[in-house]
Amino acid sequence: MDIGTICGEKPANLDDELFESLFADSRVTIERIVSRGHISPKTGWHDQAWHEWVMVVKGRAVLSFPDRDDVVLTPGDYVNLPPHCRHRVSWTDPDNDTIWLAVHCRGSNDV
């Protein structure tokens, strides 16, 4: 059994976005992501072959898509990204931590 907290310890200096696996098996990975002004690369898109459900637990962020309006996320907001939904993180708060909870579901079209 693992016990933890989503809003737990974070490094004082966060040069790179922090990815921390909370649970993983062959089909599901749950991770905590901490951003502090981090964004996706300016070129290219995330384009994954699996579902990703992501929620902002703390902070603020903006997801951008090539074929729809940006989505602004605040605490409690979530997005289900189906396979091959091209997206990027175009903004996170540079002055405060944005804490994400991400659930990656591989091998299922039912999510």
PDB file of N, CA and C in Angstrom:
ATOM      1  N   MET A   1       0.851  -1.172   0.000  1.00  0.00           N
ATOM      2  CA  MET A   1       0.000   0.000   0.000  1.00  0.00           C
ATOM      3  C   MET A   1       0.896   1.233   0.000  1.00  0.00           C
ATOM      4  N   ASP A   2       0.540   2.194  -0.852  1.00  0.00           N
ATOM      5  CA  ASP A   2       1.232   3.483  -0.906  1.00  0.00           C
ATOM      6  C   ASP A   2       0.289   4.563  -0.403  1.00  0.00           C
ATOM      7  N   ILE A   3       0.814   5.460   0.386  1.00  0.00           N
ATOM      8  CA  ILE A   3       0.037   6.595   0.875  1.00  0.00           C
ATOM      9  C   ILE A   3       0.831   7.852   0.550  1.00  0.00           C
ATOM     10  N   GLY A   4       0.161   8.864   0.018  1.00  0.00           N
ATOM     11  CA  GLY A   4       0.850  10.092  -0.332  1.00  0.00           C
ATOM     12  C   GLY A   4      -0.133  11.238  -0.439  1.00  0.00           C
ATOM     13  N   THR A   5       0.336  12.340  -0.948  1.00  0.00           N
ATOM     14  CA  THR A   5      -0.517  13.502  -1.166  1.00  0.00           C
ATOM     15  C   THR A   5      -0.138  14.153  -2.489  1.00  0.00           C
ATOM     16  N   ILE A   6      -1.142  14.530  -3.253  1.00  0.00           N
ATOM     17  CA  ILE A   6      -0.924  15.156  -4.558  1.00  0.00           C
ATOM     18  C   ILE A   6      -0.207  16.496  -4.403  1.00  0.00           C
ATOM     19  N   CYS A   7      -0.519  17.224  -3.356  1.00  0.00           N
ATOM     20  CA  CYS A   7       0.058  18.558  -3.154  1.00  0.00           C
ATOM     21  C   CYS A   7       1.279  18.520  -2.247  1.00  0.00           C
ATOM     22  N   GLY A   8       1.934  17.375  -2.164  1.00  0.00           N
ATOM     23  CA  GLY A   8       3.075  17.209  -1.270  1.00  0.00           C
ATOM     24  C   GLY A   8       4.313  17.943  -1.712  1.00  0.00           C
ATOM     25  N   GLU A   9       5.460  17.486  -1.234  1.00  0.00           N
ATOM     26  CA  GLU A   9       6.739  18.157  -1.454  1.00  0.00           C
ATOM     27  C   GLU A   9       7.026  18.405  -2.922  1.00  0.00           C
ATOM     28  N   LYS A  10       7.602  19.579  -3.163  1.00  0.00           N
ATOM     29  CA  LYS A  10       8.049  19.951  -4.498  1.00  0.00           C
ATOM     30  C   LYS A  10       9.406  20.620  -4.346  1.00  0.00           C
ATOM     31  N   PRO A  11      10.281  20.444  -5.313  1.00  0.00           N
ATOM     32  CA  PRO A  11      11.581  21.113  -5.219  1.00  0.00           C
ATOM     33  C   PRO A  11      11.425  22.634  -5.222  1.00  0.00           C
ATOM     34  N   ALA A  12      12.288  23.317  -4.502  1.00  0.00           N
ATOM     35  CA  ALA A  12      12.269  24.783  -4.490  1.00  0.00           C
ATOM     36  C   ALA A  12      12.589  25.321  -5.880  1.00  0.00           C
ATOM     37  N   ASN A  13      13.602  24.736  -6.511  1.00  0.00           N
ATOM     38  CA  ASN A  13      13.956  25.100  -7.881  1.00  0.00           C
ATOM     39  C   ASN A  13      13.372  24.046  -8.812  1.00  0.00           C
ATOM     40  N   LEU A  14      12.592  24.494  -9.763  1.00  0.00           N
ATOM     41  CA  LEU A  14      11.939  23.575 -10.686  1.00  0.00           C
ATOM     42  C   LEU A  14      12.349  23.954 -12.108  1.00  0.00           C
ATOM     43  N   ASP A  15      13.606  23.627 -12.451  1.00  0.00           N
ATOM     44  CA  ASP A  15      14.115  23.963 -13.776  1.00  0.00           C
ATOM     45  C   ASP A  15      13.357  23.216 -14.869  1.00  0.00           C
ATOM     46  N   ASP A  16      13.005  21.970 -14.587  1.00  0.00           N
ATOM     47  CA  ASP A  16      12.237  21.151 -15.518  1.00  0.00           C
ATOM     48  C   ASP A  16      10.931  20.749 -14.851  1.00  0.00           C
ATOM     49  N   GLU A  17       9.935  20.511 -15.660  1.00  0.00           N
ATOM     50  CA  GLU A  17       8.668  20.023 -15.129  1.00  0.00           C
ATOM     51  C   GLU A  17       8.911  18.722 -14.372  1.00  0.00           C
ATOM     52  N   LEU A  18       8.197  18.521 -13.278  1.00  0.00           N
ATOM     53  CA  LEU A  18       8.353  17.338 -12.442  1.00  0.00           C
ATOM     54  C   LEU A  18       7.274  16.324 -12.798  1.00  0.00           C
ATOM     55  N   PHE A  19       7.673  15.102 -13.175  1.00  0.00           N
ATOM     56  CA  PHE A  19       6.763  14.003 -13.453  1.00  0.00           C
ATOM     57  C   PHE A  19       7.015  12.929 -12.417  1.00  0.00           C
ATOM     58  N   GLU A  20       5.971  12.533 -11.696  1.00  0.00           N
ATOM     59  CA  GLU A  20       6.116  11.535 -10.644  1.00  0.00           C
ATOM     60  C   GLU A  20       5.027  10.472 -10.822  1.00  0.00           C
ATOM     61  N   SER A  21       5.441   9.224 -11.051  1.00  0.00           N
ATOM     62  CA  SER A  21       4.495   8.130 -11.206  1.00  0.00           C
ATOM     63  C   SER A  21       3.916   7.756  -9.847  1.00  0.00           C
ATOM     64  N   LEU A  22       2.590   7.750  -9.750  1.00  0.00           N
ATOM     65  CA  LEU A  22       1.914   7.371  -8.520  1.00  0.00           C
ATOM     66  C   LEU A  22       1.433   5.925  -8.570  1.00  0.00           C
ATOM     67  N   PHE A  23       1.145   5.431  -9.779  1.00  0.00           N
ATOM     68  CA  PHE A  23       0.710   4.061  -9.992  1.00  0.00           C
ATOM     69  C   PHE A  23       0.923   3.712 -11.449  1.00  0.00           C
ATOM     70  N   ALA A  24       1.336   2.485 -11.712  1.00  0.00           N
ATOM     71  CA  ALA A  24       1.488   2.042 -13.100  1.00  0.00           C
ATOM     72  C   ALA A  24       1.309   0.538 -13.183  1.00  0.00           C
ATOM     73  N   ASP A  25       0.594   0.106 -14.213  1.00  0.00           N
ATOM     74  CA  ASP A  25       0.563  -1.298 -14.590  1.00  0.00           C
ATOM     75  C   ASP A  25       0.568  -1.338 -16.119  1.00  0.00           C
ATOM     76  N   SER A  26       0.237  -2.461 -16.721  1.00  0.00           N
ATOM     77  CA  SER A  26       0.360  -2.576 -18.169  1.00  0.00           C
ATOM     78  C   SER A  26      -0.646  -1.719 -18.939  1.00  0.00           C
ATOM     79  N   ARG A  27      -1.732  -1.288 -18.299  1.00  0.00           N
ATOM     80  CA  ARG A  27      -2.755  -0.514 -19.004  1.00  0.00           C
ATOM     81  C   ARG A  27      -2.939   0.906 -18.497  1.00  0.00           C
ATOM     82  N   VAL A  28      -2.617   1.170 -17.237  1.00  0.00           N
ATOM     83  CA  VAL A  28      -2.908   2.477 -16.642  1.00  0.00           C
ATOM     84  C   VAL A  28      -1.659   3.037 -15.959  1.00  0.00           C
ATOM     85  N   THR A  29      -1.402   4.298 -16.183  1.00  0.00           N
ATOM     86  CA  THR A  29      -0.375   5.032 -15.445  1.00  0.00           C
ATOM     87  C   THR A  29      -1.023   6.284 -14.872  1.00  0.00           C
ATOM     88  N   ILE A  30      -0.831   6.497 -13.584  1.00  0.00           N
ATOM     89  CA  ILE A  30      -1.323   7.705 -12.931  1.00  0.00           C
ATOM     90  C   ILE A  30      -0.102   8.484 -12.478  1.00  0.00           C
ATOM     91  N   GLU A  31      -0.057   9.758 -12.859  1.00  0.00           N
ATOM     92  CA  GLU A  31       1.110  10.549 -12.487  1.00  0.00           C
ATOM     93  C   GLU A  31       0.713  11.922 -11.994  1.00  0.00           C
ATOM     94  N   ARG A  32       1.590  12.447 -11.163  1.00  0.00           N
ATOM     95  CA  ARG A  32       1.499  13.833 -10.712  1.00  0.00           C
ATOM     96  C   ARG A  32       2.519  14.608 -11.532  1.00  0.00           C
ATOM     97  N   ILE A  33       2.074  15.741 -12.038  1.00  0.00           N
ATOM     98  CA  ILE A  33       2.957  16.621 -12.806  1.00  0.00           C
ATOM     99  C   ILE A  33       2.937  17.973 -12.110  1.00  0.00           C
ATOM    100  N   VAL A  34       4.109  18.551 -11.914  1.00  0.00           N
ATOM    101  CA  VAL A  34       4.194  19.895 -11.329  1.00  0.00           C
ATOM    102  C   VAL A  34       4.870  20.801 -12.352  1.00  0.00           C
ATOM    103  N   SER A  35       4.158  21.870 -12.719  1.00  0.00           N
ATOM    104  CA  SER A  35       4.655  22.864 -13.670  1.00  0.00           C
ATOM    105  C   SER A  35       4.769  24.196 -12.952  1.00  0.00           C
ATOM    106  N   ARG A  36       5.767  24.956 -13.329  1.00  0.00           N
ATOM    107  CA  ARG A  36       5.922  26.321 -12.804  1.00  0.00           C
ATOM    108  C   ARG A  36       6.392  27.180 -13.973  1.00  0.00           C
ATOM    109  N   GLY A  37       5.418  27.553 -14.819  1.00  0.00           N
ATOM    110  CA  GLY A  37       5.752  28.312 -16.017  1.00  0.00           C
ATOM    111  C   GLY A  37       6.198  27.438 -17.178  1.00  0.00           C
ATOM    112  N   HIS A  38       6.176  26.126 -17.004  1.00  0.00           N
ATOM    113  CA  HIS A  38       6.602  25.224 -18.073  1.00  0.00           C
ATOM    114  C   HIS A  38       5.510  25.101 -19.129  1.00  0.00           C
ATOM    115  N   ILE A  39       5.940  24.982 -20.380  1.00  0.00           N
ATOM    116  CA  ILE A  39       5.019  24.790 -21.493  1.00  0.00           C
ATOM    117  C   ILE A  39       5.603  23.726 -22.422  1.00  0.00           C
ATOM    118  N   SER A  40       4.771  23.267 -23.359  1.00  0.00           N
ATOM    119  CA  SER A  40       5.240  22.325 -24.376  1.00  0.00           C
ATOM    120  C   SER A  40       6.166  23.050 -25.348  1.00  0.00           C
ATOM    121  N   PRO A  41       6.992  22.311 -26.076  1.00  0.00           N
ATOM    122  CA  PRO A  41       7.817  22.960 -27.106  1.00  0.00           C
ATOM    123  C   PRO A  41       6.947  23.749 -28.083  1.00  0.00           C
ATOM    124  N   LYS A  42       7.489  24.850 -28.580  1.00  0.00           N
ATOM    125  CA  LYS A  42       6.741  25.743 -29.480  1.00  0.00           C
ATOM    126  C   LYS A  42       6.355  25.065 -30.792  1.00  0.00           C
ATOM    127  N   THR A  43       7.120  24.069 -31.210  1.00  0.00           N
ATOM    128  CA  THR A  43       6.804  23.360 -32.448  1.00  0.00           C
ATOM    129  C   THR A  43       6.369  21.938 -32.123  1.00  0.00           C
ATOM    130  N   GLY A  44       5.495  21.409 -32.939  1.00  0.00           N
ATOM    131  CA  GLY A  44       5.011  20.046 -32.744  1.00  0.00           C
ATOM    132  C   GLY A  44       3.878  19.982 -31.745  1.00  0.00           C
ATOM    133  N   TRP A  45       3.276  18.810 -31.653  1.00  0.00           N
ATOM    134  CA  TRP A  45       2.124  18.564 -30.795  1.00  0.00           C
ATOM    135  C   TRP A  45       2.318  17.249 -30.065  1.00  0.00           C
ATOM    136  N   HIS A  46       1.750  17.147 -28.862  1.00  0.00           N
ATOM    137  CA  HIS A  46       1.638  15.840 -28.226  1.00  0.00           C
ATOM    138  C   HIS A  46       0.576  15.087 -29.033  1.00  0.00           C
ATOM    139  N   ASP A  47       0.883  13.862 -29.430  1.00  0.00           N
ATOM    140  CA  ASP A  47      -0.041  13.052 -30.233  1.00  0.00           C
ATOM    141  C   ASP A  47       0.153  11.614 -29.796  1.00  0.00           C
ATOM    142  N   GLN A  48      -0.572  11.206 -28.757  1.00  0.00           N
ATOM    143  CA  GLN A  48      -0.365   9.907 -28.150  1.00  0.00           C
ATOM    144  C   GLN A  48      -1.396   8.900 -28.666  1.00  0.00           C
ATOM    145  N   ALA A  49      -1.028   7.644 -28.624  1.00  0.00           N
ATOM    146  CA  ALA A  49      -1.882   6.565 -29.120  1.00  0.00           C
ATOM    147  C   ALA A  49      -2.847   6.055 -28.054  1.00  0.00           C
ATOM    148  N   TRP A  50      -2.933   6.721 -26.919  1.00  0.00           N
ATOM    149  CA  TRP A  50      -3.789   6.268 -25.825  1.00  0.00           C
ATOM    150  C   TRP A  50      -4.585   7.446 -25.252  1.00  0.00           C
ATOM    151  N   HIS A  51      -5.590   7.119 -24.454  1.00  0.00           N
ATOM    152  CA  HIS A  51      -6.378   8.128 -23.741  1.00  0.00           C
ATOM    153  C   HIS A  51      -5.538   8.737 -22.624  1.00  0.00           C
ATOM    154  N   GLU A  52      -5.710  10.034 -22.430  1.00  0.00           N
ATOM    155  CA  GLU A  52      -5.131  10.694 -21.260  1.00  0.00           C
ATOM    156  C   GLU A  52      -6.221  11.574 -20.646  1.00  0.00           C
ATOM    157  N   TRP A  53      -6.493  11.328 -19.382  1.00  0.00           N
ATOM    158  CA  TRP A  53      -7.412  12.163 -18.605  1.00  0.00           C
ATOM    159  C   TRP A  53      -6.533  13.000 -17.702  1.00  0.00           C
ATOM    160  N   VAL A  54      -6.716  14.319 -17.736  1.00  0.00           N
ATOM    161  CA  VAL A  54      -5.854  15.193 -16.953  1.00  0.00           C
ATOM    162  C   VAL A  54      -6.704  16.228 -16.212  1.00  0.00           C
ATOM    163  N   MET A  55      -6.328  16.484 -14.953  1.00  0.00           N
ATOM    164  CA  MET A  55      -7.039  17.449 -14.127  1.00  0.00           C
ATOM    165  C   MET A  55      -6.028  18.377 -13.468  1.00  0.00           C
ATOM    166  N   VAL A  56      -6.377  19.647 -13.381  1.00  0.00           N
ATOM    167  CA  VAL A  56      -5.569  20.585 -12.615  1.00  0.00           C
ATOM    168  C   VAL A  56      -6.060  20.537 -11.173  1.00  0.00           C
ATOM    169  N   VAL A  57      -5.175  20.165 -10.270  1.00  0.00           N
ATOM    170  CA  VAL A  57      -5.484  20.088  -8.849  1.00  0.00           C
ATOM    171  C   VAL A  57      -5.264  21.441  -8.186  1.00  0.00           C
ATOM    172  N   LYS A  58      -4.202  22.114  -8.616  1.00  0.00           N
ATOM    173  CA  LYS A  58      -3.832  23.410  -8.049  1.00  0.00           C
ATOM    174  C   LYS A  58      -3.197  24.230  -9.162  1.00  0.00           C
ATOM    175  N   GLY A  59      -3.443  25.520  -9.169  1.00  0.00           N
ATOM    176  CA  GLY A  59      -2.820  26.387 -10.163  1.00  0.00           C
ATOM    177  C   GLY A  59      -3.717  26.630 -11.365  1.00  0.00           C
ATOM    178  N   ARG A  60      -3.084  27.023 -12.468  1.00  0.00           N
ATOM    179  CA  ARG A  60      -3.812  27.339 -13.696  1.00  0.00           C
ATOM    180  C   ARG A  60      -2.973  26.938 -14.890  1.00  0.00           C
ATOM    181  N   ALA A  61      -3.665  26.568 -15.979  1.00  0.00           N
ATOM    182  CA  ALA A  61      -2.971  26.171 -17.198  1.00  0.00           C
ATOM    183  C   ALA A  61      -3.878  26.401 -18.398  1.00  0.00           C
ATOM    184  N   VAL A  62      -3.255  26.432 -19.571  1.00  0.00           N
ATOM    185  CA  VAL A  62      -3.995  26.534 -20.822  1.00  0.00           C
ATOM    186  C   VAL A  62      -3.517  25.422 -21.744  1.00  0.00           C
ATOM    187  N   LEU A  63      -4.465  24.640 -22.266  1.00  0.00           N
ATOM    188  CA  LEU A  63      -4.171  23.639 -23.290  1.00  0.00           C
ATOM    189  C   LEU A  63      -4.596  24.207 -24.631  1.00  0.00           C
ATOM    190  N   SER A  64      -3.752  24.021 -25.636  1.00  0.00           N
ATOM    191  CA  SER A  64      -4.061  24.470 -26.992  1.00  0.00           C
ATOM    192  C   SER A  64      -4.184  23.269 -27.909  1.00  0.00           C
ATOM    193  N   PHE A  65      -5.010  23.437 -28.948  1.00  0.00           N
ATOM    194  CA  PHE A  65      -5.294  22.391 -29.921  1.00  0.00           C
ATOM    195  C   PHE A  65      -5.215  23.005 -31.313  1.00  0.00           C
ATOM    196  N   PRO A  66      -4.859  22.224 -32.331  1.00  0.00           N
ATOM    197  CA  PRO A  66      -4.762  22.814 -33.668  1.00  0.00           C
ATOM    198  C   PRO A  66      -6.116  23.081 -34.315  1.00  0.00           C
ATOM    199  N   ASP A  67      -7.177  22.449 -33.810  1.00  0.00           N
ATOM    200  CA  ASP A  67      -8.459  22.509 -34.501  1.00  0.00           C
ATOM    201  C   ASP A  67      -9.633  22.936 -33.617  1.00  0.00           C
ATOM    202  N   ARG A  68      -9.332  23.525 -32.459  1.00  0.00           N
ATOM    203  CA  ARG A  68     -10.397  24.013 -31.574  1.00  0.00           C
ATOM    204  C   ARG A  68      -9.845  25.098 -30.665  1.00  0.00           C
ATOM    205  N   ASP A  69     -10.730  25.743 -29.939  1.00  0.00           N
ATOM    206  CA  ASP A  69     -10.324  26.819 -29.039  1.00  0.00           C
ATOM    207  C   ASP A  69      -9.477  26.293 -27.886  1.00  0.00           C
ATOM    208  N   ASP A  70      -8.646  27.170 -27.348  1.00  0.00           N
ATOM    209  CA  ASP A  70      -7.868  26.835 -26.154  1.00  0.00           C
ATOM    210  C   ASP A  70      -8.808  26.514 -25.000  1.00  0.00           C
ATOM    211  N   VAL A  71      -8.308  25.699 -24.072  1.00  0.00           N
ATOM    212  CA  VAL A  71      -9.054  25.354 -22.868  1.00  0.00           C
ATOM    213  C   VAL A  71      -8.270  25.877 -21.673  1.00  0.00           C
ATOM    214  N   VAL A  72      -8.903  26.728 -20.880  1.00  0.00           N
ATOM    215  CA  VAL A  72      -8.305  27.250 -19.657  1.00  0.00           C
ATOM    216  C   VAL A  72      -8.719  26.324 -18.521  1.00  0.00           C
ATOM    217  N   LEU A  73      -7.736  25.848 -17.756  1.00  0.00           N
ATOM    218  CA  LEU A  73      -7.994  24.928 -16.654  1.00  0.00           C
ATOM    219  C   LEU A  73      -7.627  25.581 -15.331  1.00  0.00           C
ATOM    220  N   THR A  74      -8.540  25.497 -14.378  1.00  0.00           N
ATOM    221  CA  THR A  74      -8.322  25.959 -13.014  1.00  0.00           C
ATOM    222  C   THR A  74      -8.589  24.778 -12.089  1.00  0.00           C
ATOM    223  N   PRO A  75      -8.317  24.894 -10.798  1.00  0.00           N
ATOM    224  CA  PRO A  75      -8.453  23.739  -9.914  1.00  0.00           C
ATOM    225  C   PRO A  75      -9.818  23.036 -10.040  1.00  0.00           C
ATOM    226  N   GLY A  76      -9.743  21.730 -10.245  1.00  0.00           N
ATOM    227  CA  GLY A  76     -10.934  20.907 -10.400  1.00  0.00           C
ATOM    228  C   GLY A  76     -11.350  20.669 -11.832  1.00  0.00           C
ATOM    229  N   ASP A  77     -10.816  21.454 -12.776  1.00  0.00           N
ATOM    230  CA  ASP A  77     -11.152  21.266 -14.191  1.00  0.00           C
ATOM    231  C   ASP A  77     -10.366  20.093 -14.756  1.00  0.00           C
ATOM    232  N   TYR A  78     -11.029  19.323 -15.628  1.00  0.00           N
ATOM    233  CA  TYR A  78     -10.354  18.193 -16.258  1.00  0.00           C
ATOM    234  C   TYR A  78     -10.696  18.119 -17.730  1.00  0.00           C
ATOM    235  N   VAL A  79      -9.866  17.386 -18.463  1.00  0.00           N
ATOM    236  CA  VAL A  79     -10.048  17.160 -19.887  1.00  0.00           C
ATOM    237  C   VAL A  79      -9.732  15.699 -20.166  1.00  0.00           C
ATOM    238  N   ASN A  80     -10.585  15.055 -20.967  1.00  0.00           N
ATOM    239  CA  ASN A  80     -10.288  13.712 -21.455  1.00  0.00           C
ATOM    240  C   ASN A  80      -9.778  13.851 -22.880  1.00  0.00           C
ATOM    241  N   LEU A  81      -8.530  13.486 -23.095  1.00  0.00           N
ATOM    242  CA  LEU A  81      -7.907  13.589 -24.405  1.00  0.00           C
ATOM    243  C   LEU A  81      -7.927  12.206 -25.057  1.00  0.00           C
ATOM    244  N   PRO A  82      -8.750  12.019 -26.090  1.00  0.00           N
ATOM    245  CA  PRO A  82      -8.784  10.715 -26.750  1.00  0.00           C
ATOM    246  C   PRO A  82      -7.492  10.460 -27.525  1.00  0.00           C
ATOM    247  N   PRO A  83      -7.278   9.210 -27.940  1.00  0.00           N
ATOM    248  CA  PRO A  83      -6.068   8.921 -28.720  1.00  0.00           C
ATOM    249  C   PRO A  83      -5.942   9.859 -29.920  1.00  0.00           C
ATOM    250  N   HIS A  84      -4.733  10.304 -30.160  1.00  0.00           N
ATOM    251  CA  HIS A  84      -4.367  11.154 -31.292  1.00  0.00           C
ATOM    252  C   HIS A  84      -5.040  12.527 -31.276  1.00  0.00           C
ATOM    253  N   CYS A  85      -5.453  12.971 -30.095  1.00  0.00           N
ATOM    254  CA  CYS A  85      -5.943  14.344 -29.939  1.00  0.00           C
ATOM    255  C   CYS A  85      -4.707  15.229 -29.767  1.00  0.00           C
ATOM    256  N   ARG A  86      -4.329  15.898 -30.831  1.00  0.00           N
ATOM    257  CA  ARG A  86      -3.119  16.721 -30.779  1.00  0.00           C
ATOM    258  C   ARG A  86      -3.350  17.905 -29.854  1.00  0.00           C
ATOM    259  N   HIS A  87      -2.380  18.122 -28.979  1.00  0.00           N
ATOM    260  CA  HIS A  87      -2.510  19.182 -27.981  1.00  0.00           C
ATOM    261  C   HIS A  87      -1.135  19.603 -27.499  1.00  0.00           C
ATOM    262  N   ARG A  88      -1.112  20.734 -26.814  1.00  0.00           N
ATOM    263  CA  ARG A  88       0.113  21.205 -26.144  1.00  0.00           C
ATOM    264  C   ARG A  88      -0.283  22.067 -24.960  1.00  0.00           C
ATOM    265  N   VAL A  89       0.599  22.123 -23.993  1.00  0.00           N
ATOM    266  CA  VAL A  89       0.421  23.039 -22.862  1.00  0.00           C
ATOM    267  C   VAL A  89       1.015  24.363 -23.310  1.00  0.00           C
ATOM    268  N   SER A  90       0.156  25.375 -23.465  1.00  0.00           N
ATOM    269  CA  SER A  90       0.643  26.652 -23.986  1.00  0.00           C
ATOM    270  C   SER A  90       0.921  27.677 -22.888  1.00  0.00           C
ATOM    271  N   TRP A  91       0.465  27.386 -21.653  1.00  0.00           N
ATOM    272  CA  TRP A  91       0.742  28.304 -20.546  1.00  0.00           C
ATOM    273  C   TRP A  91       0.501  27.601 -19.226  1.00  0.00           C
ATOM    274  N   THR A  92       1.394  27.812 -18.273  1.00  0.00           N
ATOM    275  CA  THR A  92       1.160  27.516 -16.862  1.00  0.00           C
ATOM    276  C   THR A  92       1.659  28.710 -16.074  1.00  0.00           C
ATOM    277  N   ASP A  93       1.105  28.904 -14.917  1.00  0.00           N
ATOM    278  CA  ASP A  93       1.420  30.066 -14.079  1.00  0.00           C
ATOM    279  C   ASP A  93       2.914  30.076 -13.742  1.00  0.00           C
ATOM    280  N   PRO A  94       3.643  31.122 -14.139  1.00  0.00           N
ATOM    281  CA  PRO A  94       5.081  31.162 -13.870  1.00  0.00           C
ATOM    282  C   PRO A  94       5.423  31.477 -12.415  1.00  0.00           C
ATOM    283  N   ASP A  95       4.462  31.999 -11.664  1.00  0.00           N
ATOM    284  CA  ASP A  95       4.729  32.419 -10.285  1.00  0.00           C
ATOM    285  C   ASP A  95       4.238  31.431  -9.231  1.00  0.00           C
ATOM    286  N   ASN A  96       3.443  30.459  -9.646  1.00  0.00           N
ATOM    287  CA  ASN A  96       2.876  29.489  -8.712  1.00  0.00           C
ATOM    288  C   ASN A  96       2.891  28.099  -9.341  1.00  0.00           C
ATOM    289  N   ASP A  97       2.919  27.087  -8.499  1.00  0.00           N
ATOM    290  CA  ASP A  97       2.900  25.716  -9.003  1.00  0.00           C
ATOM    291  C   ASP A  97       1.541  25.382  -9.597  1.00  0.00           C
ATOM    292  N   THR A  98       1.571  24.697 -10.723  1.00  0.00           N
ATOM    293  CA  THR A  98       0.384  24.053 -11.270  1.00  0.00           C
ATOM    294  C   THR A  98       0.587  22.566 -11.059  1.00  0.00           C
ATOM    295  N   ILE A  99      -0.323  21.955 -10.329  1.00  0.00           N
ATOM    296  CA  ILE A  99      -0.227  20.527 -10.050  1.00  0.00           C
ATOM    297  C   ILE A  99      -1.321  19.824 -10.837  1.00  0.00           C
ATOM    298  N   TRP A 100      -0.896  18.867 -11.647  1.00  0.00           N
ATOM    299  CA  TRP A 100      -1.782  18.091 -12.508  1.00  0.00           C
ATOM    300  C   TRP A 100      -1.887  16.663 -11.969  1.00  0.00           C
ATOM    301  N   LEU A 101      -3.024  16.047 -12.185  1.00  0.00           N
ATOM    302  CA  LEU A 101      -3.188  14.619 -12.006  1.00  0.00           C
ATOM    303  C   LEU A 101      -3.520  14.071 -13.382  1.00  0.00           C
ATOM    304  N   ALA A 102      -2.659  13.184 -13.893  1.00  0.00           N
ATOM    305  CA  ALA A 102      -2.843  12.637 -15.234  1.00  0.00           C
ATOM    306  C   ALA A 102      -3.019  11.130 -15.145  1.00  0.00           C
ATOM    307  N   VAL A 103      -4.003  10.636 -15.887  1.00  0.00           N
ATOM    308  CA  VAL A 103      -4.265   9.206 -15.965  1.00  0.00           C
ATOM    309  C   VAL A 103      -4.139   8.797 -17.426  1.00  0.00           C
ATOM    310  N   HIS A 104      -3.170   7.955 -17.719  1.00  0.00           N
ATOM    311  CA  HIS A 104      -2.929   7.449 -19.077  1.00  0.00           C
ATOM    312  C   HIS A 104      -3.513   6.042 -19.162  1.00  0.00           C
ATOM    313  N   CYS A 105      -4.411   5.822 -20.130  1.00  0.00           N
ATOM    314  CA  CYS A 105      -5.065   4.515 -20.297  1.00  0.00           C
ATOM    315  C   CYS A 105      -4.669   3.932 -21.638  1.00  0.00           C
ATOM    316  N   ARG A 106      -3.899   2.874 -21.610  1.00  0.00           N
ATOM    317  CA  ARG A 106      -3.433   2.226 -22.830  1.00  0.00           C
ATOM    318  C   ARG A 106      -4.221   0.935 -23.070  1.00  0.00           C
ATOM    319  N   GLY A 107      -4.473   0.647 -24.328  1.00  0.00           N
ATOM    320  CA  GLY A 107      -5.074  -0.635 -24.673  1.00  0.00           C
ATOM    321  C   GLY A 107      -6.565  -0.711 -24.490  1.00  0.00           C
ATOM    322  N   SER A 108      -7.244   0.423 -24.424  1.00  0.00           N
ATOM    323  CA  SER A 108      -8.698   0.403 -24.269  1.00  0.00           C
ATOM    324  C   SER A 108      -9.306   1.516 -25.110  1.00  0.00           C
ATOM    325  N   ASN A 109     -10.352   1.181 -25.831  1.00  0.00           N
ATOM    326  CA  ASN A 109     -11.100   2.192 -26.566  1.00  0.00           C
ATOM    327  C   ASN A 109     -12.380   2.578 -25.840  1.00  0.00           C
ATOM    328  N   ASP A 110     -12.558   2.062 -24.632  1.00  0.00           N
ATOM    329  CA  ASP A 110     -13.797   2.258 -23.896  1.00  0.00           C
ATOM    330  C   ASP A 110     -13.758   3.410 -22.924  1.00  0.00           C
ATOM    331  N   VAL A 111     -12.624   4.116 -22.811  1.00  0.00           N
ATOM    332  CA  VAL A 111     -12.487   5.161 -21.796  1.00  0.00           C
ATOM    333  C   VAL A 111     -13.168   6.427 -22.267  1.00  0.00           C
TER     334      VAL A 111
END
